[in-house]
Amino acid sequence: MAYVISDACISCGSCAGGCPVGAIAEGDGKYEINADACIDCGSCAGECPVGAISQG
């Protein structure tokens, strides 16, 4: 199951830089994870300074 970014996202972009497959992009008001590209590695969750990323 792909990871998801909650509304707690502060749009800092740390997660996008930490994604090895480039599955994260800036969306409308927060960053978003492309579920089809996500490989469930969890590296984005470790990069998020506010804990806005969890496994969906």
PDB file of N, CA and C in Angstrom:
ATOM      1  N   MET A   1       0.851  -1.176   0.000  1.00  0.00           N
ATOM      2  CA  MET A   1       0.000   0.000   0.000  1.00  0.00           C
ATOM      3  C   MET A   1       0.898   1.242   0.000  1.00  0.00           C
ATOM      4  N   ALA A   2       0.599   2.175  -0.837  1.00  0.00           N
ATOM      5  CA  ALA A   2       1.412   3.379  -0.987  1.00  0.00           C
ATOM      6  C   ALA A   2       1.320   4.282   0.242  1.00  0.00           C
ATOM      7  N   TYR A   3       2.333   5.084   0.401  1.00  0.00           N
ATOM      8  CA  TYR A   3       2.323   6.076   1.463  1.00  0.00           C
ATOM      9  C   TYR A   3       1.457   7.258   1.043  1.00  0.00           C
ATOM     10  N   VAL A   4       0.937   7.988   2.021  1.00  0.00           N
ATOM     11  CA  VAL A   4       0.096   9.161   1.758  1.00  0.00           C
ATOM     12  C   VAL A   4       0.577  10.334   2.611  1.00  0.00           C
ATOM     13  N   ILE A   5       0.295  11.529   2.132  1.00  0.00           N
ATOM     14  CA  ILE A   5       0.676  12.748   2.841  1.00  0.00           C
ATOM     15  C   ILE A   5      -0.597  13.417   3.349  1.00  0.00           C
ATOM     16  N   SER A   6      -0.642  13.684   4.646  1.00  0.00           N
ATOM     17  CA  SER A   6      -1.831  14.277   5.255  1.00  0.00           C
ATOM     18  C   SER A   6      -1.842  15.796   5.084  1.00  0.00           C
ATOM     19  N   ASP A   7      -2.925  16.401   5.548  1.00  0.00           N
ATOM     20  CA  ASP A   7      -3.065  17.851   5.479  1.00  0.00           C
ATOM     21  C   ASP A   7      -2.097  18.577   6.415  1.00  0.00           C
ATOM     22  N   ALA A   8      -1.375  17.833   7.241  1.00  0.00           N
ATOM     23  CA  ALA A   8      -0.369  18.436   8.123  1.00  0.00           C
ATOM     24  C   ALA A   8       0.871  18.879   7.336  1.00  0.00           C
ATOM     25  N   CYS A   9       0.949  18.500   6.059  1.00  0.00           N
ATOM     26  CA  CYS A   9       2.079  18.853   5.189  1.00  0.00           C
ATOM     27  C   CYS A   9       2.300  20.363   5.172  1.00  0.00           C
ATOM     28  N   ILE A  10       3.569  20.771   5.343  1.00  0.00           N
ATOM     29  CA  ILE A  10       3.913  22.196   5.320  1.00  0.00           C
ATOM     30  C   ILE A  10       4.585  22.595   4.000  1.00  0.00           C
ATOM     31  N   SER A  11       4.532  21.711   3.021  1.00  0.00           N
ATOM     32  CA  SER A  11       5.075  21.963   1.670  1.00  0.00           C
ATOM     33  C   SER A  11       6.549  22.355   1.667  1.00  0.00           C
ATOM     34  N   CYS A  12       7.340  21.686   2.491  1.00  0.00           N
ATOM     35  CA  CYS A  12       8.771  22.007   2.553  1.00  0.00           C
ATOM     36  C   CYS A  12       9.563  21.316   1.446  1.00  0.00           C
ATOM     37  N   GLY A  13       9.035  20.198   0.923  1.00  0.00           N
ATOM     38  CA  GLY A  13       9.700  19.493  -0.160  1.00  0.00           C
ATOM     39  C   GLY A  13      10.733  18.473   0.269  1.00  0.00           C
ATOM     40  N   SER A  14      10.940  18.295   1.553  1.00  0.00           N
ATOM     41  CA  SER A  14      11.937  17.324   2.027  1.00  0.00           C
ATOM     42  C   SER A  14      11.636  15.915   1.537  1.00  0.00           C
ATOM     43  N   CYS A  15      10.381  15.565   1.515  1.00  0.00           N
ATOM     44  CA  CYS A  15       9.993  14.216   1.102  1.00  0.00           C
ATOM     45  C   CYS A  15      10.310  13.961  -0.369  1.00  0.00           C
ATOM     46  N   ALA A  16      10.076  14.946  -1.211  1.00  0.00           N
ATOM     47  CA  ALA A  16      10.317  14.786  -2.649  1.00  0.00           C
ATOM     48  C   ALA A  16      11.791  14.504  -2.918  1.00  0.00           C
ATOM     49  N   GLY A  17      12.657  15.174  -2.204  1.00  0.00           N
ATOM     50  CA  GLY A  17      14.090  14.958  -2.371  1.00  0.00           C
ATOM     51  C   GLY A  17      14.550  13.607  -1.872  1.00  0.00           C
ATOM     52  N   GLY A  18      13.794  13.011  -0.958  1.00  0.00           N
ATOM     53  CA  GLY A  18      14.165  11.731  -0.388  1.00  0.00           C
ATOM     54  C   GLY A  18      13.569  10.530  -1.098  1.00  0.00           C
ATOM     55  N   CYS A  19      12.721  10.767  -2.094  1.00  0.00           N
ATOM     56  CA  CYS A  19      12.067   9.660  -2.798  1.00  0.00           C
ATOM     57  C   CYS A  19      12.975   9.118  -3.899  1.00  0.00           C
ATOM     58  N   PRO A  20      13.372   7.842  -3.815  1.00  0.00           N
ATOM     59  CA  PRO A  20      14.298   7.284  -4.803  1.00  0.00           C
ATOM     60  C   PRO A  20      13.694   7.072  -6.193  1.00  0.00           C
ATOM     61  N   VAL A  21      12.366   7.094  -6.294  1.00  0.00           N
ATOM     62  CA  VAL A  21      11.729   6.865  -7.600  1.00  0.00           C
ATOM     63  C   VAL A  21      10.996   8.098  -8.128  1.00  0.00           C
ATOM     64  N   GLY A  22      11.109   9.230  -7.445  1.00  0.00           N
ATOM     65  CA  GLY A  22      10.479  10.464  -7.908  1.00  0.00           C
ATOM     66  C   GLY A  22       8.965  10.415  -7.915  1.00  0.00           C
ATOM     67  N   ALA A  23       8.377   9.727  -6.941  1.00  0.00           N
ATOM     68  CA  ALA A  23       6.920   9.567  -6.883  1.00  0.00           C
ATOM     69  C   ALA A  23       6.207  10.720  -6.190  1.00  0.00           C
ATOM     70  N   ILE A  24       6.961  11.713  -5.707  1.00  0.00           N
ATOM     71  CA  ILE A  24       6.358  12.801  -4.948  1.00  0.00           C
ATOM     72  C   ILE A  24       6.516  14.116  -5.694  1.00  0.00           C
ATOM     73  N   ALA A  25       5.407  14.856  -5.781  1.00  0.00           N
ATOM     74  CA  ALA A  25       5.424  16.148  -6.471  1.00  0.00           C
ATOM     75  C   ALA A  25       4.554  17.141  -5.718  1.00  0.00           C
ATOM     76  N   GLU A  26       4.832  18.403  -5.933  1.00  0.00           N
ATOM     77  CA  GLU A  26       4.041  19.444  -5.289  1.00  0.00           C
ATOM     78  C   GLU A  26       2.641  19.452  -5.870  1.00  0.00           C
ATOM     79  N   GLY A  27       1.657  19.387  -4.999  1.00  0.00           N
ATOM     80  CA  GLY A  27       0.259  19.382  -5.418  1.00  0.00           C
ATOM     81  C   GLY A  27      -0.406  20.691  -5.057  1.00  0.00           C
ATOM     82  N   ASP A  28      -1.695  20.658  -4.944  1.00  0.00           N
ATOM     83  CA  ASP A  28      -2.480  21.847  -4.635  1.00  0.00           C
ATOM     84  C   ASP A  28      -2.526  22.057  -3.122  1.00  0.00           C
ATOM     85  N   GLY A  29      -1.598  22.840  -2.592  1.00  0.00           N
ATOM     86  CA  GLY A  29      -1.561  23.133  -1.172  1.00  0.00           C
ATOM     87  C   GLY A  29      -0.694  22.206  -0.341  1.00  0.00           C
ATOM     88  N   LYS A  30      -0.293  21.075  -0.888  1.00  0.00           N
ATOM     89  CA  LYS A  30       0.587  20.142  -0.183  1.00  0.00           C
ATOM     90  C   LYS A  30       1.238  19.232  -1.217  1.00  0.00           C
ATOM     91  N   TYR A  31       2.231  18.483  -0.782  1.00  0.00           N
ATOM     92  CA  TYR A  31       2.875  17.526  -1.683  1.00  0.00           C
ATOM     93  C   TYR A  31       2.001  16.275  -1.778  1.00  0.00           C
ATOM     94  N   GLU A  32       2.116  15.571  -2.900  1.00  0.00           N
ATOM     95  CA  GLU A  32       1.301  14.388  -3.125  1.00  0.00           C
ATOM     96  C   GLU A  32       2.183  13.241  -3.621  1.00  0.00           C
ATOM     97  N   ILE A  33       1.799  12.024  -3.260  1.00  0.00           N
ATOM     98  CA  ILE A  33       2.534  10.828  -3.664  1.00  0.00           C
ATOM     99  C   ILE A  33       1.738  10.107  -4.748  1.00  0.00           C
ATOM    100  N   ASN A  34       2.399   9.817  -5.857  1.00  0.00           N
ATOM    101  CA  ASN A  34       1.784   9.050  -6.934  1.00  0.00           C
ATOM    102  C   ASN A  34       1.773   7.582  -6.498  1.00  0.00           C
ATOM    103  N   ALA A  35       0.591   7.066  -6.170  1.00  0.00           N
ATOM    104  CA  ALA A  35       0.467   5.705  -5.642  1.00  0.00           C
ATOM    105  C   ALA A  35       0.952   4.655  -6.630  1.00  0.00           C
ATOM    106  N   ASP A  36       0.841   4.922  -7.917  1.00  0.00           N
ATOM    107  CA  ASP A  36       1.277   3.957  -8.919  1.00  0.00           C
ATOM    108  C   ASP A  36       2.802   3.866  -8.999  1.00  0.00           C
ATOM    109  N   ALA A  37       3.488   4.951  -8.664  1.00  0.00           N
ATOM    110  CA  ALA A  37       4.948   4.980  -8.728  1.00  0.00           C
ATOM    111  C   ALA A  37       5.603   4.627  -7.390  1.00  0.00           C
ATOM    112  N   CYS A  38       4.877   4.796  -6.291  1.00  0.00           N
ATOM    113  CA  CYS A  38       5.414   4.541  -4.947  1.00  0.00           C
ATOM    114  C   CYS A  38       5.806   3.076  -4.794  1.00  0.00           C
ATOM    115  N   ILE A  39       7.015   2.838  -4.261  1.00  0.00           N
ATOM    116  CA  ILE A  39       7.500   1.467  -4.056  1.00  0.00           C
ATOM    117  C   ILE A  39       7.440   1.061  -2.578  1.00  0.00           C
ATOM    118  N   ASP A  40       6.752   1.840  -1.763  1.00  0.00           N
ATOM    119  CA  ASP A  40       6.544   1.533  -0.340  1.00  0.00           C
ATOM    120  C   ASP A  40       7.829   1.398   0.458  1.00  0.00           C
ATOM    121  N   CYS A  41       8.840   2.171   0.125  1.00  0.00           N
ATOM    122  CA  CYS A  41      10.117   2.051   0.835  1.00  0.00           C
ATOM    123  C   CYS A  41      10.118   2.811   2.162  1.00  0.00           C
ATOM    124  N   GLY A  42       9.281   3.851   2.279  1.00  0.00           N
ATOM    125  CA  GLY A  42       9.178   4.598   3.525  1.00  0.00           C
ATOM    126  C   GLY A  42      10.214   5.679   3.735  1.00  0.00           C
ATOM    127  N   SER A  43      11.094   5.885   2.781  1.00  0.00           N
ATOM    128  CA  SER A  43      12.131   6.904   2.975  1.00  0.00           C
ATOM    129  C   SER A  43      11.529   8.305   3.081  1.00  0.00           C
ATOM    130  N   CYS A  44      10.406   8.555   2.449  1.00  0.00           N
ATOM    131  CA  CYS A  44       9.760   9.863   2.528  1.00  0.00           C
ATOM    132  C   CYS A  44       9.283  10.154   3.952  1.00  0.00           C
ATOM    133  N   ALA A  45       8.745   9.144   4.618  1.00  0.00           N
ATOM    134  CA  ALA A  45       8.240   9.324   5.979  1.00  0.00           C
ATOM    135  C   ALA A  45       9.360   9.741   6.924  1.00  0.00           C
ATOM    136  N   GLY A  46      10.544   9.204   6.698  1.00  0.00           N
ATOM    137  CA  GLY A  46      11.696   9.561   7.532  1.00  0.00           C
ATOM    138  C   GLY A  46      12.203  10.954   7.275  1.00  0.00           C
ATOM    139  N   GLU A  47      11.905  11.497   6.117  1.00  0.00           N
ATOM    140  CA  GLU A  47      12.359  12.848   5.751  1.00  0.00           C
ATOM    141  C   GLU A  47      11.429  13.942   6.244  1.00  0.00           C
ATOM    142  N   CYS A  48      10.164  13.619   6.496  1.00  0.00           N
ATOM    143  CA  CYS A  48       9.156  14.633   6.844  1.00  0.00           C
ATOM    144  C   CYS A  48       9.370  15.191   8.253  1.00  0.00           C
ATOM    145  N   PRO A  49       9.609  16.513   8.371  1.00  0.00           N
ATOM    146  CA  PRO A  49       9.864  17.100   9.688  1.00  0.00           C
ATOM    147  C   PRO A  49       8.625  17.219  10.571  1.00  0.00           C
ATOM    148  N   VAL A  50       7.434  17.081  10.001  1.00  0.00           N
ATOM    149  CA  VAL A  50       6.212  17.228  10.789  1.00  0.00           C
ATOM    150  C   VAL A  50       5.406  15.929  10.901  1.00  0.00           C
ATOM    151  N   GLY A  51       5.949  14.829  10.395  1.00  0.00           N
ATOM    152  CA  GLY A  51       5.273  13.535  10.504  1.00  0.00           C
ATOM    153  C   GLY A  51       3.980  13.439   9.717  1.00  0.00           C
ATOM    154  N   ALA A  52       3.916  14.113   8.572  1.00  0.00           N
ATOM    155  CA  ALA A  52       2.690  14.147   7.788  1.00  0.00           C
ATOM    156  C   ALA A  52       2.546  12.961   6.831  1.00  0.00           C
ATOM    157  N   ILE A  53       3.512  12.050   6.812  1.00  0.00           N
ATOM    158  CA  ILE A  53       3.476  10.938   5.864  1.00  0.00           C
ATOM    159  C   ILE A  53       3.306   9.627   6.603  1.00  0.00           C
ATOM    160  N   SER A  54       2.351   8.830   6.144  1.00  0.00           N
ATOM    161  CA  SER A  54       2.110   7.522   6.741  1.00  0.00           C
ATOM    162  C   SER A  54       1.721   6.544   5.657  1.00  0.00           C
ATOM    163  N   GLN A  55       1.760   5.273   6.001  1.00  0.00           N
ATOM    164  CA  GLN A  55       1.379   4.270   5.027  1.00  0.00           C
ATOM    165  C   GLN A  55      -0.144   4.236   4.960  1.00  0.00           C
ATOM    166  N   GLY A  56      -0.668   4.411   3.759  1.00  0.00           N
ATOM    167  CA  GLY A  56      -2.109   4.540   3.561  1.00  0.00           C
ATOM    168  C   GLY A  56      -2.747   3.238   3.370  1.00  0.00           C
TER     169      GLY A  56
END
